[in-house]
PDB file of all heavy atoms in Angstrom:
ATOM      1  N   PHE A   1       0.828  -1.224  -0.024  1.00  0.00           N
ATOM      2  CA  PHE A   1       0.004   0.006   0.024  1.00  0.00           C
ATOM      3  C   PHE A   1       0.902   1.298   0.022  1.00  0.00           C
ATOM      4  O   PHE A   1       0.267   2.396  -0.172  1.00  0.00           O
ATOM      5  CB  PHE A   1      -0.909  -0.006   1.218  1.00  0.00           C
ATOM      6  CG  PHE A   1      -1.983  -1.095   1.239  1.00  0.00           C
ATOM      7  CD1 PHE A   1      -1.641  -2.350   1.655  1.00  0.00           C
ATOM      8  CD2 PHE A   1      -3.247  -0.830   0.823  1.00  0.00           C
ATOM      9  CE1 PHE A   1      -2.633  -3.417   1.616  1.00  0.00           C
ATOM     10  CE2 PHE A   1      -4.265  -1.862   0.763  1.00  0.00           C
ATOM     11  CZ  PHE A   1      -3.911  -3.081   1.172  1.00  0.00           C
ATOM     12  N   GLY A   2       2.126   1.173   0.228  1.00  0.00           N
ATOM     13  CA  GLY A   2       2.958   2.323   0.245  1.00  0.00           C
ATOM     14  C   GLY A   2       2.794   3.120   1.526  1.00  0.00           C
ATOM     15  O   GLY A   2       3.090   4.376   1.548  1.00  0.00           O
ATOM     16  N   PHE A   3       2.395   2.479   2.618  1.00  0.00           N
ATOM     17  CA  PHE A   3       2.176   3.246   3.903  1.00  0.00           C
ATOM     18  C   PHE A   3       3.366   3.001   4.800  1.00  0.00           C
ATOM     19  O   PHE A   3       3.977   1.920   4.873  1.00  0.00           O
ATOM     20  CB  PHE A   3       1.006   2.743   4.614  1.00  0.00           C
ATOM     21  CG  PHE A   3      -0.412   3.082   3.944  1.00  0.00           C
ATOM     22  CD1 PHE A   3      -1.477   2.261   4.131  1.00  0.00           C
ATOM     23  CD2 PHE A   3      -0.506   4.158   3.098  1.00  0.00           C
ATOM     24  CE1 PHE A   3      -2.705   2.503   3.536  1.00  0.00           C
ATOM     25  CE2 PHE A   3      -1.669   4.415   2.443  1.00  0.00           C
ATOM     26  CZ  PHE A   3      -2.806   3.652   2.692  1.00  0.00           C
ATOM     27  N   GLU A   4       3.662   4.040   5.611  1.00  0.00           N
ATOM     28  CA  GLU A   4       4.688   3.952   6.625  1.00  0.00           C
ATOM     29  C   GLU A   4       4.005   4.297   7.995  1.00  0.00           C
ATOM     30  O   GLU A   4       3.236   5.272   8.154  1.00  0.00           O
ATOM     31  CB  GLU A   4       5.811   4.971   6.400  1.00  0.00           C
ATOM     32  CG  GLU A   4       6.900   4.961   7.426  1.00  0.00           C
ATOM     33  CD  GLU A   4       7.965   5.993   7.114  1.00  0.00           C
ATOM     34  OE1 GLU A   4       7.632   7.029   6.603  1.00  0.00           O
ATOM     35  OE2 GLU A   4       9.115   5.720   7.404  1.00  0.00           O
ATOM     36  N   PHE A   5       4.261   3.446   8.983  1.00  0.00           N
ATOM     37  CA  PHE A   5       3.665   3.649  10.260  1.00  0.00           C
ATOM     38  C   PHE A   5       4.754   4.131  11.247  1.00  0.00           C
ATOM     39  O   PHE A   5       5.801   3.509  11.458  1.00  0.00           O
ATOM     40  CB  PHE A   5       3.070   2.347  10.846  1.00  0.00           C
ATOM     41  CG  PHE A   5       1.812   1.909  10.107  1.00  0.00           C
ATOM     42  CD1 PHE A   5       1.858   1.415   8.823  1.00  0.00           C
ATOM     43  CD2 PHE A   5       0.613   2.023  10.676  1.00  0.00           C
ATOM     44  CE1 PHE A   5       0.685   1.062   8.094  1.00  0.00           C
ATOM     45  CE2 PHE A   5      -0.560   1.724  10.003  1.00  0.00           C
ATOM     46  CZ  PHE A   5      -0.492   1.238   8.776  1.00  0.00           C
ATOM     47  N   VAL A   6       4.488   5.268  11.918  1.00  0.00           N
ATOM     48  CA  VAL A   6       5.496   5.913  12.850  1.00  0.00           C
ATOM     49  C   VAL A   6       4.827   6.053  14.189  1.00  0.00           C
ATOM     50  O   VAL A   6       3.791   6.761  14.308  1.00  0.00           O
ATOM     51  CB  VAL A   6       5.935   7.262  12.320  1.00  0.00           C
ATOM     52  CG1 VAL A   6       6.940   7.865  13.252  1.00  0.00           C
ATOM     53  CG2 VAL A   6       6.477   7.108  10.842  1.00  0.00           C
ATOM     54  N   PRO A   7       5.364   5.442  15.264  1.00  0.00           N
ATOM     55  CA  PRO A   7       4.760   5.595  16.589  1.00  0.00           C
ATOM     56  C   PRO A   7       4.753   7.059  17.052  1.00  0.00           C
ATOM     57  O   PRO A   7       5.752   7.741  16.848  1.00  0.00           O
ATOM     58  CB  PRO A   7       5.631   4.714  17.465  1.00  0.00           C
ATOM     59  CG  PRO A   7       6.935   4.590  16.804  1.00  0.00           C
ATOM     60  CD  PRO A   7       6.588   4.721  15.332  1.00  0.00           C
ATOM     61  N   ILE A   8       3.660   7.414  17.768  1.00  0.00           N
ATOM     62  CA  ILE A   8       3.536   8.749  18.351  1.00  0.00           C
ATOM     63  C   ILE A   8       3.770   8.524  19.794  1.00  0.00           C
ATOM     64  O   ILE A   8       3.002   7.947  20.512  1.00  0.00           O
ATOM     65  CB  ILE A   8       2.178   9.314  18.029  1.00  0.00           C
ATOM     66  CG1 ILE A   8       1.918   9.558  16.519  1.00  0.00           C
ATOM     67  CG2 ILE A   8       2.104  10.726  18.777  1.00  0.00           C
ATOM     68  CD1 ILE A   8       0.514   9.954  16.194  1.00  0.00           C
ATOM     69  N   THR A   9       4.820   9.114  20.315  1.00  0.00           N
ATOM     70  CA  THR A   9       5.250   8.857  21.677  1.00  0.00           C
ATOM     71  C   THR A   9       5.330  10.110  22.528  1.00  0.00           C
ATOM     72  O   THR A   9       5.670  10.063  23.733  1.00  0.00           O
ATOM     73  CB  THR A   9       6.656   8.170  21.704  1.00  0.00           C
ATOM     74  OG1 THR A   9       7.648   9.016  21.042  1.00  0.00           O
ATOM     75  CG2 THR A   9       6.613   6.824  21.016  1.00  0.00           C
ATOM     76  N   ASP A  10       4.978  11.286  21.925  1.00  0.00           N
ATOM     77  CA  ASP A  10       5.137  12.532  22.677  1.00  0.00           C
ATOM     78  C   ASP A  10       3.874  12.930  23.411  1.00  0.00           C
ATOM     79  O   ASP A  10       3.766  14.060  23.967  1.00  0.00           O
ATOM     80  CB  ASP A  10       5.573  13.661  21.703  1.00  0.00           C
ATOM     81  CG  ASP A  10       4.562  13.922  20.596  1.00  0.00           C
ATOM     82  OD1 ASP A  10       3.433  13.241  20.577  1.00  0.00           O
ATOM     83  OD2 ASP A  10       4.836  14.785  19.770  1.00  0.00           O
ATOM     84  N   GLY A  11       2.868  12.151  23.353  1.00  0.00           N
ATOM     85  CA  GLY A  11       1.586  12.451  24.013  1.00  0.00           C
ATOM     86  C   GLY A  11       0.706  13.469  23.310  1.00  0.00           C
ATOM     87  O   GLY A  11      -0.279  13.881  23.936  1.00  0.00           O
ATOM     88  N   SER A  12       1.031  13.794  22.115  1.00  0.00           N
ATOM     89  CA  SER A  12       0.244  14.770  21.367  1.00  0.00           C
ATOM     90  C   SER A  12      -1.096  14.211  20.921  1.00  0.00           C
ATOM     91  O   SER A  12      -2.003  15.086  20.678  1.00  0.00           O
ATOM     92  CB  SER A  12       1.052  15.257  20.141  1.00  0.00           C
ATOM     93  OG  SER A  12       1.348  14.202  19.291  1.00  0.00           O
ATOM     94  N   VAL A  13      -1.281  12.949  20.920  1.00  0.00           N
ATOM     95  CA  VAL A  13      -2.584  12.325  20.570  1.00  0.00           C
ATOM     96  C   VAL A  13      -3.117  11.604  21.739  1.00  0.00           C
ATOM     97  O   VAL A  13      -2.593  10.638  22.220  1.00  0.00           O
ATOM     98  CB  VAL A  13      -2.440  11.338  19.382  1.00  0.00           C
ATOM     99  CG1 VAL A  13      -3.743  10.665  19.082  1.00  0.00           C
ATOM    100  CG2 VAL A  13      -1.851  12.065  18.143  1.00  0.00           C
ATOM    101  N   PRO A  14      -4.189  12.111  22.341  1.00  0.00           N
ATOM    102  CA  PRO A  14      -4.799  11.553  23.579  1.00  0.00           C
ATOM    103  C   PRO A  14      -5.251  10.099  23.282  1.00  0.00           C
ATOM    104  O   PRO A  14      -5.782   9.803  22.193  1.00  0.00           O
ATOM    105  CB  PRO A  14      -5.933  12.434  23.859  1.00  0.00           C
ATOM    106  CG  PRO A  14      -5.664  13.753  23.156  1.00  0.00           C
ATOM    107  CD  PRO A  14      -4.939  13.353  21.926  1.00  0.00           C
ATOM    108  N   VAL A  15      -5.222   9.285  24.305  1.00  0.00           N
ATOM    109  CA  VAL A  15      -5.811   7.933  24.250  1.00  0.00           C
ATOM    110  C   VAL A  15      -6.804   7.737  25.348  1.00  0.00           C
ATOM    111  O   VAL A  15      -6.814   8.493  26.355  1.00  0.00           O
ATOM    112  CB  VAL A  15      -4.729   6.824  24.262  1.00  0.00           C
ATOM    113  CG1 VAL A  15      -3.831   6.937  23.087  1.00  0.00           C
ATOM    114  CG2 VAL A  15      -3.892   6.964  25.579  1.00  0.00           C
ATOM    115  N   PHE A  16      -7.752   6.771  25.195  1.00  0.00           N
ATOM    116  CA  PHE A  16      -8.753   6.554  26.196  1.00  0.00           C
ATOM    117  C   PHE A  16      -8.409   5.470  27.254  1.00  0.00           C
ATOM    118  O   PHE A  16      -9.126   5.264  28.174  1.00  0.00           O
ATOM    119  CB  PHE A  16     -10.075   6.162  25.511  1.00  0.00           C
ATOM    120  CG  PHE A  16      -9.927   5.033  24.504  1.00  0.00           C
ATOM    121  CD1 PHE A  16     -10.055   3.701  24.933  1.00  0.00           C
ATOM    122  CD2 PHE A  16      -9.739   5.267  23.169  1.00  0.00           C
ATOM    123  CE1 PHE A  16      -9.853   2.683  24.051  1.00  0.00           C
ATOM    124  CE2 PHE A  16      -9.613   4.261  22.276  1.00  0.00           C
ATOM    125  CZ  PHE A  16      -9.641   2.893  22.715  1.00  0.00           C
ATOM    126  N   HIS A  17      -7.283   4.870  27.072  1.00  0.00           N
ATOM    127  CA  HIS A  17      -6.809   3.858  28.023  1.00  0.00           C
ATOM    128  C   HIS A  17      -5.250   3.680  27.888  1.00  0.00           C
ATOM    129  O   HIS A  17      -4.763   3.819  26.806  1.00  0.00           O
ATOM    130  CB  HIS A  17      -7.477   2.508  27.784  1.00  0.00           C
ATOM    131  CG  HIS A  17      -7.233   1.546  28.952  1.00  0.00           C
ATOM    132  ND1 HIS A  17      -6.212   0.714  28.941  1.00  0.00           N
ATOM    133  CD2 HIS A  17      -7.955   1.200  29.998  1.00  0.00           C
ATOM    134  CE1 HIS A  17      -6.185  -0.011  30.025  1.00  0.00           C
ATOM    135  NE2 HIS A  17      -7.321   0.172  30.713  1.00  0.00           N
ATOM    136  N   PRO A  18      -4.560   3.440  28.996  1.00  0.00           N
ATOM    137  CA  PRO A  18      -3.094   3.311  28.830  1.00  0.00           C
ATOM    138  C   PRO A  18      -2.620   2.204  27.894  1.00  0.00           C
ATOM    139  O   PRO A  18      -1.458   2.297  27.435  1.00  0.00           O
ATOM    140  CB  PRO A  18      -2.670   3.037  30.289  1.00  0.00           C
ATOM    141  CG  PRO A  18      -3.776   3.640  31.128  1.00  0.00           C
ATOM    142  CD  PRO A  18      -5.003   3.413  30.380  1.00  0.00           C
ATOM    143  N   ASP A  19      -3.458   1.276  27.687  1.00  0.00           N
ATOM    144  CA  ASP A  19      -3.050   0.133  26.727  1.00  0.00           C
ATOM    145  C   ASP A  19      -3.011   0.610  25.249  1.00  0.00           C
ATOM    146  O   ASP A  19      -2.505  -0.106  24.456  1.00  0.00           O
ATOM    147  CB  ASP A  19      -4.069  -1.012  26.911  1.00  0.00           C
ATOM    148  CG  ASP A  19      -3.806  -1.836  28.195  1.00  0.00           C
ATOM    149  OD1 ASP A  19      -2.804  -1.577  28.794  1.00  0.00           O
ATOM    150  OD2 ASP A  19      -4.760  -2.567  28.641  1.00  0.00           O
ATOM    151  N   VAL A  20      -3.678   1.717  24.968  1.00  0.00           N
ATOM    152  CA  VAL A  20      -3.804   2.120  23.577  1.00  0.00           C
ATOM    153  C   VAL A  20      -2.544   2.777  23.072  1.00  0.00           C
ATOM    154  O   VAL A  20      -1.973   3.673  23.750  1.00  0.00           O
ATOM    155  CB  VAL A  20      -5.012   3.077  23.435  1.00  0.00           C
ATOM    156  CG1 VAL A  20      -5.143   3.507  22.001  1.00  0.00           C
ATOM    157  CG2 VAL A  20      -6.274   2.384  23.893  1.00  0.00           C
ATOM    158  N   THR A  21      -2.075   2.365  21.855  1.00  0.00           N
ATOM    159  CA  THR A  21      -1.008   3.087  21.196  1.00  0.00           C
ATOM    160  C   THR A  21      -1.470   3.678  19.924  1.00  0.00           C
ATOM    161  O   THR A  21      -2.490   3.206  19.322  1.00  0.00           O
ATOM    162  CB  THR A  21       0.197   2.115  20.910  1.00  0.00           C
ATOM    163  OG1 THR A  21      -0.333   0.985  20.231  1.00  0.00           O
ATOM    164  CG2 THR A  21       0.828   1.669  22.165  1.00  0.00           C
ATOM    165  N   VAL A  22      -0.777   4.766  19.471  1.00  0.00           N
ATOM    166  CA  VAL A  22      -1.217   5.433  18.234  1.00  0.00           C
ATOM    167  C   VAL A  22      -0.024   5.637  17.316  1.00  0.00           C
ATOM    168  O   VAL A  22       1.157   5.868  17.785  1.00  0.00           O
ATOM    169  CB  VAL A  22      -1.778   6.813  18.517  1.00  0.00           C
ATOM    170  CG1 VAL A  22      -2.456   7.499  17.362  1.00  0.00           C
ATOM    171  CG2 VAL A  22      -2.818   6.779  19.695  1.00  0.00           C
ATOM    172  N   TYR A  23      -0.277   5.550  15.999  1.00  0.00           N
ATOM    173  CA  TYR A  23       0.755   5.655  14.977  1.00  0.00           C
ATOM    174  C   TYR A  23       0.375   6.631  13.891  1.00  0.00           C
ATOM    175  O   TYR A  23      -0.886   6.653  13.506  1.00  0.00           O
ATOM    176  CB  TYR A  23       1.049   4.270  14.351  1.00  0.00           C
ATOM    177  CG  TYR A  23       1.601   3.264  15.360  1.00  0.00           C
ATOM    178  CD1 TYR A  23       0.768   2.587  16.171  1.00  0.00           C
ATOM    179  CD2 TYR A  23       2.914   2.960  15.334  1.00  0.00           C
ATOM    180  CE1 TYR A  23       1.201   1.669  17.088  1.00  0.00           C
ATOM    181  CE2 TYR A  23       3.421   2.011  16.244  1.00  0.00           C
ATOM    182  CZ  TYR A  23       2.577   1.385  17.102  1.00  0.00           C
ATOM    183  OH  TYR A  23       3.086   0.415  18.043  1.00  0.00           O
ATOM    184  N   GLU A  24       1.288   7.502  13.502  1.00  0.00           N
ATOM    185  CA  GLU A  24       1.033   8.105  12.211  1.00  0.00           C
ATOM    186  C   GLU A  24       1.135   7.189  11.002  1.00  0.00           C
ATOM    187  O   GLU A  24       1.868   6.215  11.042  1.00  0.00           O
ATOM    188  CB  GLU A  24       2.248   9.154  11.881  1.00  0.00           C
ATOM    189  CG  GLU A  24       2.197  10.436  12.714  1.00  0.00           C
ATOM    190  CD  GLU A  24       3.331  11.319  12.254  1.00  0.00           C
ATOM    191  OE1 GLU A  24       3.939  11.087  11.168  1.00  0.00           O
ATOM    192  OE2 GLU A  24       3.653  12.324  12.940  1.00  0.00           O
ATOM    193  N   VAL A  25       0.203   7.398  10.039  1.00  0.00           N
ATOM    194  CA  VAL A  25       0.242   6.691   8.805  1.00  0.00           C
ATOM    195  C   VAL A  25       0.536   7.650   7.680  1.00  0.00           C
ATOM    196  O   VAL A  25      -0.254   8.540   7.424  1.00  0.00           O
ATOM    197  CB  VAL A  25      -1.037   5.887   8.523  1.00  0.00           C
ATOM    198  CG1 VAL A  25      -0.932   5.006   7.334  1.00  0.00           C
ATOM    199  CG2 VAL A  25      -1.453   5.075   9.789  1.00  0.00           C
ATOM    200  N   ASN A  26       1.683   7.436   7.033  1.00  0.00           N
ATOM    201  CA  ASN A  26       2.181   8.390   5.974  1.00  0.00           C
ATOM    202  C   ASN A  26       2.326   7.642   4.721  1.00  0.00           C
ATOM    203  O   ASN A  26       2.623   6.520   4.641  1.00  0.00           O
ATOM    204  CB  ASN A  26       3.435   9.086   6.376  1.00  0.00           C
ATOM    205  CG  ASN A  26       3.303   9.931   7.698  1.00  0.00           C
ATOM    206  OD1 ASN A  26       2.258  10.510   7.926  1.00  0.00           O
ATOM    207  ND2 ASN A  26       4.305   9.806   8.569  1.00  0.00           N
ATOM    208  N   ASP A  27       2.195   8.376   3.602  1.00  0.00           N
ATOM    209  CA  ASP A  27       2.495   7.853   2.285  1.00  0.00           C
ATOM    210  C   ASP A  27       3.956   7.887   2.117  1.00  0.00           C
ATOM    211  O   ASP A  27       4.701   8.893   2.225  1.00  0.00           O
ATOM    212  CB  ASP A  27       1.848   8.741   1.153  1.00  0.00           C
ATOM    213  CG  ASP A  27       2.022   8.219  -0.211  1.00  0.00           C
ATOM    214  OD1 ASP A  27       3.181   8.037  -0.611  1.00  0.00           O
ATOM    215  OD2 ASP A  27       1.002   7.959  -0.868  1.00  0.00           O
ATOM    216  N   LYS A  28       4.628   6.712   1.835  1.00  0.00           N
ATOM    217  CA  LYS A  28       6.041   6.614   1.855  1.00  0.00           C
ATOM    218  C   LYS A  28       6.610   7.463   0.665  1.00  0.00           C
ATOM    219  O   LYS A  28       7.717   8.000   0.812  1.00  0.00           O
ATOM    220  CB  LYS A  28       6.464   5.156   1.626  1.00  0.00           C
ATOM    221  CG  LYS A  28       6.216   4.292   2.953  1.00  0.00           C
ATOM    222  CD  LYS A  28       6.427   2.815   2.632  1.00  0.00           C
ATOM    223  CE  LYS A  28       7.831   2.476   2.244  1.00  0.00           C
ATOM    224  NZ  LYS A  28       7.994   1.003   2.048  1.00  0.00           N
ATOM    225  N   ALA A  29       5.900   7.548  -0.411  1.00  0.00           N
ATOM    226  CA  ALA A  29       6.415   8.191  -1.600  1.00  0.00           C
ATOM    227  C   ALA A  29       6.466   9.625  -1.425  1.00  0.00           C
ATOM    228  O   ALA A  29       7.378  10.360  -1.910  1.00  0.00           O
ATOM    229  CB  ALA A  29       5.692   7.802  -2.811  1.00  0.00           C
ATOM    230  N   THR A  30       5.434  10.288  -0.824  1.00  0.00           N
ATOM    231  CA  THR A  30       5.263  11.693  -0.780  1.00  0.00           C
ATOM    232  C   THR A  30       5.391  12.283   0.566  1.00  0.00           C
ATOM    233  O   THR A  30       5.603  13.531   0.804  1.00  0.00           O
ATOM    234  CB  THR A  30       3.830  12.110  -1.318  1.00  0.00           C
ATOM    235  OG1 THR A  30       2.801  11.590  -0.448  1.00  0.00           O
ATOM    236  CG2 THR A  30       3.588  11.524  -2.680  1.00  0.00           C
ATOM    237  N   GLY A  31       5.362  11.430   1.611  1.00  0.00           N
ATOM    238  CA  GLY A  31       5.343  11.896   3.036  1.00  0.00           C
ATOM    239  C   GLY A  31       4.091  12.494   3.493  1.00  0.00           C
ATOM    240  O   GLY A  31       3.958  12.899   4.608  1.00  0.00           O
ATOM    241  N   ARG A  32       3.073  12.435   2.689  1.00  0.00           N
ATOM    242  CA  ARG A  32       1.710  12.995   3.045  1.00  0.00           C
ATOM    243  C   ARG A  32       1.172  12.159   4.101  1.00  0.00           C
ATOM    244  O   ARG A  32       1.227  10.934   4.178  1.00  0.00           O
ATOM    245  CB  ARG A  32       0.764  13.034   1.815  1.00  0.00           C
ATOM    246  CG  ARG A  32      -0.608  13.437   2.066  1.00  0.00           C
ATOM    247  CD  ARG A  32      -1.451  13.352   0.776  1.00  0.00           C
ATOM    248  NE  ARG A  32      -1.594  12.007   0.341  1.00  0.00           N
ATOM    249  CZ  ARG A  32      -2.589  11.141   0.731  1.00  0.00           C
ATOM    250  NH1 ARG A  32      -3.464  11.524   1.666  1.00  0.00           N
ATOM    251  NH2 ARG A  32      -2.626   9.890   0.268  1.00  0.00           N
ATOM    252  N   ASN A  33       0.502  12.834   5.122  1.00  0.00           N
ATOM    253  CA  ASN A  33      -0.155  12.119   6.209  1.00  0.00           C
ATOM    254  C   ASN A  33      -1.483  11.559   5.708  1.00  0.00           C
ATOM    255  O   ASN A  33      -2.331  12.280   5.280  1.00  0.00           O
ATOM    256  CB  ASN A  33      -0.392  13.016   7.383  1.00  0.00           C
ATOM    257  CG  ASN A  33      -1.109  12.271   8.506  1.00  0.00           C
ATOM    258  OD1 ASN A  33      -2.240  12.538   8.830  1.00  0.00           O
ATOM    259  ND2 ASN A  33      -0.396  11.291   9.112  1.00  0.00           N
ATOM    260  N   VAL A  34      -1.682  10.214   5.793  1.00  0.00           N
ATOM    261  CA  VAL A  34      -2.830   9.532   5.400  1.00  0.00           C
ATOM    262  C   VAL A  34      -3.821   9.594   6.597  1.00  0.00           C
ATOM    263  O   VAL A  34      -5.093   9.617   6.418  1.00  0.00           O
ATOM    264  CB  VAL A  34      -2.503   8.177   4.930  1.00  0.00           C
ATOM    265  CG1 VAL A  34      -3.881   7.403   4.636  1.00  0.00           C
ATOM    266  CG2 VAL A  34      -1.609   8.186   3.672  1.00  0.00           C
ATOM    267  N   GLY A  35      -3.273   9.400   7.767  1.00  0.00           N
ATOM    268  CA  GLY A  35      -4.115   9.384   8.974  1.00  0.00           C
ATOM    269  C   GLY A  35      -3.350   8.809  10.085  1.00  0.00           C
ATOM    270  O   GLY A  35      -2.159   8.914  10.202  1.00  0.00           O
ATOM    271  N   LEU A  36      -4.145   8.420  11.084  1.00  0.00           N
ATOM    272  CA  LEU A  36      -3.621   7.687  12.309  1.00  0.00           C
ATOM    273  C   LEU A  36      -4.253   6.300  12.473  1.00  0.00           C
ATOM    274  O   LEU A  36      -5.264   6.007  11.965  1.00  0.00           O
ATOM    275  CB  LEU A  36      -3.977   8.545  13.586  1.00  0.00           C
ATOM    276  CG  LEU A  36      -3.470  10.021  13.654  1.00  0.00           C
ATOM    277  CD1 LEU A  36      -4.020  10.641  14.945  1.00  0.00           C
ATOM    278  CD2 LEU A  36      -1.989  10.112  13.526  1.00  0.00           C
ATOM    279  N   TRP A  37      -3.427   5.477  13.199  1.00  0.00           N
ATOM    280  CA  TRP A  37      -3.956   4.133  13.537  1.00  0.00           C
ATOM    281  C   TRP A  37      -3.854   3.948  15.016  1.00  0.00           C
ATOM    282  O   TRP A  37      -2.770   4.065  15.651  1.00  0.00           O
ATOM    283  CB  TRP A  37      -3.125   3.077  12.824  1.00  0.00           C
ATOM    284  CG  TRP A  37      -3.486   1.643  13.044  1.00  0.00           C
ATOM    285  CD1 TRP A  37      -4.643   1.028  12.618  1.00  0.00           C
ATOM    286  CD2 TRP A  37      -2.797   0.637  13.751  1.00  0.00           C
ATOM    287  NE1 TRP A  37      -4.700  -0.238  13.018  1.00  0.00           N
ATOM    288  CE2 TRP A  37      -3.593  -0.519  13.730  1.00  0.00           C
ATOM    289  CE3 TRP A  37      -1.562   0.593  14.404  1.00  0.00           C
ATOM    290  CZ2 TRP A  37      -3.155  -1.721  14.295  1.00  0.00           C
ATOM    291  CZ3 TRP A  37      -1.181  -0.530  15.002  1.00  0.00           C
ATOM    292  CH2 TRP A  37      -1.928  -1.708  14.927  1.00  0.00           C
ATOM    293  N   TYR A  38      -5.013   3.693  15.702  1.00  0.00           N
ATOM    294  CA  TYR A  38      -5.086   3.466  17.114  1.00  0.00           C
ATOM    295  C   TYR A  38      -5.184   1.962  17.341  1.00  0.00           C
ATOM    296  O   TYR A  38      -5.962   1.219  16.611  1.00  0.00           O
ATOM    297  CB  TYR A  38      -6.373   4.030  17.720  1.00  0.00           C
ATOM    298  CG  TYR A  38      -6.378   5.514  17.684  1.00  0.00           C
ATOM    299  CD1 TYR A  38      -6.628   6.319  16.529  1.00  0.00           C
ATOM    300  CD2 TYR A  38      -6.341   6.261  18.924  1.00  0.00           C
ATOM    301  CE1 TYR A  38      -6.698   7.727  16.505  1.00  0.00           C
ATOM    302  CE2 TYR A  38      -6.466   7.676  18.870  1.00  0.00           C
ATOM    303  CZ  TYR A  38      -6.643   8.345  17.686  1.00  0.00           C
ATOM    304  OH  TYR A  38      -6.763   9.776  17.725  1.00  0.00           O
ATOM    305  N   PHE A  39      -4.439   1.441  18.292  1.00  0.00           N
ATOM    306  CA  PHE A  39      -4.495  -0.075  18.590  1.00  0.00           C
ATOM    307  C   PHE A  39      -4.744  -0.247  20.023  1.00  0.00           C
ATOM    308  O   PHE A  39      -4.033   0.134  20.936  1.00  0.00           O
ATOM    309  CB  PHE A  39      -3.162  -0.614  18.194  1.00  0.00           C
ATOM    310  CG  PHE A  39      -3.066  -2.163  18.268  1.00  0.00           C
ATOM    311  CD1 PHE A  39      -4.207  -2.944  17.940  1.00  0.00           C
ATOM    312  CD2 PHE A  39      -1.884  -2.755  18.690  1.00  0.00           C
ATOM    313  CE1 PHE A  39      -4.155  -4.344  17.972  1.00  0.00           C
ATOM    314  CE2 PHE A  39      -1.830  -4.176  18.744  1.00  0.00           C
ATOM    315  CZ  PHE A  39      -2.962  -4.888  18.413  1.00  0.00           C
ATOM    316  N   ASP A  40      -5.911  -0.978  20.371  1.00  0.00           N
ATOM    317  CA  ASP A  40      -6.358  -1.291  21.660  1.00  0.00           C
ATOM    318  C   ASP A  40      -6.337  -2.825  21.807  1.00  0.00           C
ATOM    319  O   ASP A  40      -7.363  -3.478  21.524  1.00  0.00           O
ATOM    320  CB  ASP A  40      -7.637  -0.703  21.992  1.00  0.00           C
ATOM    321  CG  ASP A  40      -8.168  -0.907  23.417  1.00  0.00           C
ATOM    322  OD1 ASP A  40      -7.365  -1.383  24.208  1.00  0.00           O
ATOM    323  OD2 ASP A  40      -9.399  -0.717  23.636  1.00  0.00           O
ATOM    324  N   PRO A  41      -5.272  -3.461  22.269  1.00  0.00           N
ATOM    325  CA  PRO A  41      -5.109  -4.978  22.088  1.00  0.00           C
ATOM    326  C   PRO A  41      -5.722  -5.824  23.209  1.00  0.00           C
ATOM    327  O   PRO A  41      -5.960  -7.031  22.874  1.00  0.00           O
ATOM    328  CB  PRO A  41      -3.630  -5.155  22.023  1.00  0.00           C
ATOM    329  CG  PRO A  41      -3.052  -4.010  22.872  1.00  0.00           C
ATOM    330  CD  PRO A  41      -4.022  -2.887  22.720  1.00  0.00           C
ATOM    331  N   PHE A  42      -5.876  -5.328  24.453  1.00  0.00           N
ATOM    332  CA  PHE A  42      -6.051  -6.316  25.492  1.00  0.00           C
ATOM    333  C   PHE A  42      -7.507  -6.343  26.071  1.00  0.00           C
ATOM    334  O   PHE A  42      -8.227  -5.310  26.006  1.00  0.00           O
ATOM    335  CB  PHE A  42      -5.157  -5.912  26.685  1.00  0.00           C
ATOM    336  CG  PHE A  42      -3.685  -6.085  26.302  1.00  0.00           C
ATOM    337  CD1 PHE A  42      -2.815  -4.970  26.449  1.00  0.00           C
ATOM    338  CD2 PHE A  42      -3.203  -7.274  25.759  1.00  0.00           C
ATOM    339  CE1 PHE A  42      -1.463  -5.064  26.109  1.00  0.00           C
ATOM    340  CE2 PHE A  42      -1.838  -7.373  25.393  1.00  0.00           C
ATOM    341  CZ  PHE A  42      -0.999  -6.254  25.534  1.00  0.00           C
ATOM    342  N   ALA A  43      -7.924  -7.470  26.547  1.00  0.00           N
ATOM    343  CA  ALA A  43      -9.234  -7.633  27.163  1.00  0.00           C
ATOM    344  C   ALA A  43      -9.272  -6.941  28.563  1.00  0.00           C
ATOM    345  O   ALA A  43      -8.187  -6.781  29.205  1.00  0.00           O
ATOM    346  CB  ALA A  43      -9.528  -9.082  27.421  1.00  0.00           C
ATOM    347  N   ARG A  44     -10.398  -6.453  28.935  1.00  0.00           N
ATOM    348  CA  ARG A  44     -10.550  -5.809  30.246  1.00  0.00           C
ATOM    349  C   ARG A  44     -12.078  -5.713  30.540  1.00  0.00           C
ATOM    350  O   ARG A  44     -12.917  -5.848  29.612  1.00  0.00           O
ATOM    351  CB  ARG A  44      -9.964  -4.447  30.292  1.00  0.00           C
ATOM    352  CG  ARG A  44     -10.486  -3.410  29.320  1.00  0.00           C
ATOM    353  CD  ARG A  44      -9.849  -2.050  29.417  1.00  0.00           C
ATOM    354  NE  ARG A  44     -10.281  -1.250  28.323  1.00  0.00           N
ATOM    355  CZ  ARG A  44      -9.659  -1.075  27.170  1.00  0.00           C
ATOM    356  NH1 ARG A  44      -8.578  -1.706  26.985  1.00  0.00           N
ATOM    357  NH2 ARG A  44     -10.180  -0.204  26.207  1.00  0.00           N
TER     358      ARG A  44
END
């Protein structure tokens, strides 16, 4: 797909639970931001 995923670690994107991580999704060819990907992996 030509996507690059870059973790966001500076706290600039709020999350709703400590288990959630967020990544920038960019177009590898142009550097354009396509969006963000949130991941909430664990049962609770």
